[in-house]
């Protein structure tokens, strides 16, 4: 895949994830939901702002293909097990966003495969200083909360997918 097409695919996957994230927040009773990227593209750390039960949250949404890229179609699918969350002065960006919005930092991990998607939400504190989200721990119920589990979608996955 050429780099320009891959870049556009990743951007589109991220934008789709933000829409799925907003829907999941609405469906789970969150209020005052704002897409922070509407006011500034590539906002530091957070993509979304939301409130629930008086708690203000800033949420970094990470959307990835559920499985890692295969070199050939005969290879077994392997889970894309870690989603990078904090890189390039990540904690400074978190601290800046916390101050700006007076909110608690959260993450949302969205897995997308050919037919389904899953969404997990957790607080940054649950990661215990790690810079990535473990999807194995999400799936096992050890971190985060599962908002959506293997829900069928009707997207043209051929554009978003990374499988050959």
Protein backbone atom coordinates (compact mmCIF):
# COMPACT_ATOMS: atom_id res chain seq x y z
CA UNK A 1 0.00 0.00 0.00
CA UNK A 2 1.47 3.37 -0.91
CA UNK A 3 2.13 5.77 1.94
CA UNK A 4 -0.38 8.45 0.81
CA UNK A 5 -3.19 5.90 0.58
CA UNK A 6 -2.17 4.35 3.93
CA UNK A 7 -2.12 7.81 5.54
CA UNK A 8 -5.65 8.57 4.25
CA UNK A 9 -6.86 5.16 5.43
CA UNK A 10 -5.51 5.81 8.95
CA UNK A 11 -7.06 9.29 9.08
CA UNK A 12 -10.42 7.92 7.93
CA UNK A 13 -10.21 5.07 10.45
CA UNK A 14 -9.59 7.62 13.22
CA UNK A 15 -12.49 9.81 12.13
CA UNK A 16 -14.81 6.79 11.95
CA UNK A 17 -13.66 5.82 15.44
CA UNK A 18 -14.50 9.27 16.82
CA UNK A 19 -18.04 8.97 15.42
CA UNK A 20 -18.43 5.50 16.94
CA UNK A 21 -17.05 6.84 20.23
CA UNK A 22 -19.56 9.70 20.33
CA UNK A 23 -22.43 7.27 19.67
CA UNK A 24 -21.18 4.95 22.45
CA UNK A 25 -20.99 7.87 24.87
CA UNK A 26 -24.53 9.00 24.00
CA UNK A 27 -25.83 5.42 24.32
CA UNK A 28 -24.21 5.18 27.77
CA UNK A 29 -25.73 8.35 29.21
CA UNK A 30 -22.85 10.81 28.82
CA UNK A 31 -23.66 14.51 28.36
CA UNK A 32 -22.04 17.70 27.05
CA UNK A 33 -20.12 15.64 24.49
CA UNK A 34 -17.78 17.70 22.32
CA UNK A 35 -15.38 16.66 19.59
CA UNK A 36 -12.31 18.70 20.54
CA UNK A 37 -10.86 18.20 17.06
CA UNK A 38 -13.64 20.41 15.71
CA UNK A 39 -12.06 23.42 17.45
CA UNK A 40 -8.44 22.38 16.82
CA UNK A 41 -7.23 19.53 14.60
CA UNK A 42 -5.03 17.00 16.43
CA UNK A 43 -5.84 18.38 19.85
CA UNK A 44 -3.20 17.58 22.50
CA UNK A 45 -4.02 14.16 24.02
CA UNK A 46 -7.82 14.37 23.97
CA UNK A 47 -10.24 13.94 21.08
CA UNK A 48 -13.48 14.20 23.05
CA UNK A 49 -14.86 15.93 26.11
CA UNK A 50 -17.84 14.51 28.01
CA UNK A 51 -19.57 14.61 31.38
CA UNK A 52 -21.28 11.88 33.36
CA UNK A 53 -22.61 12.12 36.91
CA UNK A 54 -20.89 15.49 37.29
CA UNK A 55 -17.47 14.12 36.32
CA UNK A 56 -15.71 15.98 33.49
CA UNK A 57 -13.68 13.76 31.18
CA UNK A 58 -11.25 14.25 28.33
CA UNK A 59 -10.97 11.16 26.17
CA UNK A 60 -8.27 10.06 23.76
CA UNK A 61 -9.83 7.80 21.11
CA UNK A 62 -7.63 5.14 19.54
CA UNK A 63 -9.16 3.20 16.65
CA UNK A 64 -7.26 0.35 15.12
CA UNK A 65 -7.80 -2.76 13.07
CA UNK A 66 -8.42 -5.61 15.48
CA UNK A 67 -5.78 -7.74 13.80
CA UNK A 68 -2.22 -6.93 12.76
CA UNK A 69 -1.32 -6.72 9.11
CA UNK A 70 -0.48 -10.07 7.52
CA UNK A 71 2.27 -10.55 4.96
CA UNK A 72 0.18 -13.14 3.13
CA UNK A 73 -3.44 -14.31 3.32
CA UNK A 74 -2.40 -17.78 4.56
CA UNK A 75 -0.96 -16.37 7.80
CA UNK A 76 -3.01 -16.71 10.97
CA UNK A 77 -4.61 -13.47 12.18
CA UNK A 78 -2.87 -12.02 15.24
CA UNK A 79 -4.46 -9.55 17.62
CA UNK A 80 -3.26 -5.96 17.38
CA UNK A 81 -2.65 -6.23 21.12
CA UNK A 82 -1.40 -2.76 22.13
CA UNK A 83 -2.59 0.70 21.11
CA UNK A 84 -0.03 3.44 21.69
CA UNK A 85 -1.51 6.23 23.75
CA UNK A 86 1.25 8.39 25.19
CA UNK A 87 4.16 9.33 22.96
CA UNK A 88 6.03 12.53 22.11
CA UNK A 89 5.79 14.19 25.56
CA UNK A 90 2.51 12.38 26.19
CA UNK A 91 2.25 13.13 29.91
CA UNK A 92 2.90 16.83 29.32
CA UNK A 93 0.06 16.84 26.78
CA UNK A 94 -2.18 15.04 29.28
CA UNK A 95 -1.34 17.58 32.01
CA UNK A 96 -1.98 20.51 29.64
CA UNK A 97 -5.37 19.08 28.59
CA UNK A 98 -6.32 18.31 32.22
CA UNK A 99 -5.62 21.94 33.16
CA UNK A 100 -7.36 23.38 30.12
CA UNK A 101 -10.59 21.42 30.60
CA UNK A 102 -10.40 20.78 34.37
CA UNK A 103 -11.17 17.16 33.53
CA UNK A 104 -9.96 13.63 34.22
CA UNK A 105 -8.09 11.86 31.38
CA UNK A 106 -9.62 8.73 29.86
CA UNK A 107 -8.92 6.58 26.82
CA UNK A 108 -11.22 4.79 24.44
CA UNK A 109 -9.95 1.84 22.41
CA UNK A 110 -11.94 0.81 19.35
CA UNK A 111 -11.26 -2.47 17.53
CA UNK A 112 -12.55 -2.83 13.99
CA UNK A 113 -12.51 -6.00 11.92
CA UNK A 114 -14.28 -7.07 8.71
CA UNK A 115 -17.73 -7.45 10.26
CA UNK A 116 -17.71 -6.15 13.85
CA UNK A 117 -16.36 -3.54 16.22
CA UNK A 118 -15.79 -3.33 19.97
CA UNK A 119 -15.31 -0.27 22.20
CA UNK A 120 -13.58 -0.05 25.58
CA UNK A 121 -13.36 3.00 27.88
CA UNK A 122 -10.95 3.37 30.79
CA UNK A 123 -9.17 5.96 32.89
CA UNK A 124 -5.53 6.82 32.32
CA UNK A 125 -4.82 5.77 35.92
CA UNK A 126 -5.79 2.18 35.06
CA UNK A 127 -2.75 1.94 32.80
CA UNK A 128 -0.48 2.34 35.85
CA UNK A 129 2.12 4.43 34.02
CA UNK A 130 2.19 2.35 30.85
CA UNK A 131 2.13 4.27 27.56
CA UNK A 132 -0.16 1.88 25.69
CA UNK A 133 -3.54 0.22 26.09
CA UNK A 134 -3.47 -3.59 26.35
CA UNK A 135 -6.39 -4.94 24.35
CA UNK A 136 -5.90 -8.37 25.91
CA UNK A 137 -6.54 -6.79 29.34
CA UNK A 138 -9.57 -4.94 27.94
CA UNK A 139 -11.02 -8.13 26.49
CA UNK A 140 -10.37 -9.99 29.78
CA UNK A 141 -12.17 -7.26 31.75
CA UNK A 142 -9.02 -6.29 33.67
CA UNK A 143 -8.95 -2.67 32.49
CA UNK A 144 -11.58 -0.37 31.13
CA UNK A 145 -15.23 -1.08 30.61
CA UNK A 146 -16.62 -2.71 27.48
CA UNK A 147 -19.22 -0.38 25.95
CA UNK A 148 -19.73 -2.34 22.74
CA UNK A 149 -18.79 -6.00 22.22
CA UNK A 150 -18.40 -7.40 18.72
CA UNK A 151 -21.28 -5.39 17.29
CA UNK A 152 -21.95 -5.94 13.61
CA UNK A 153 -21.20 -3.02 11.31
CA UNK A 154 -22.01 -2.44 7.67
CA UNK A 155 -18.94 -0.41 6.64
CA UNK A 156 -16.93 -1.10 3.52
CA UNK A 157 -14.07 -2.62 5.47
CA UNK A 158 -11.94 -2.99 2.34
CA UNK A 159 -11.06 0.71 2.66
CA UNK A 160 -10.34 0.70 6.42
CA UNK A 161 -8.78 -2.74 6.70
CA UNK A 162 -5.11 -3.59 6.69
CA UNK A 163 -5.44 -7.19 5.48
CA UNK A 164 -4.33 -8.23 2.03
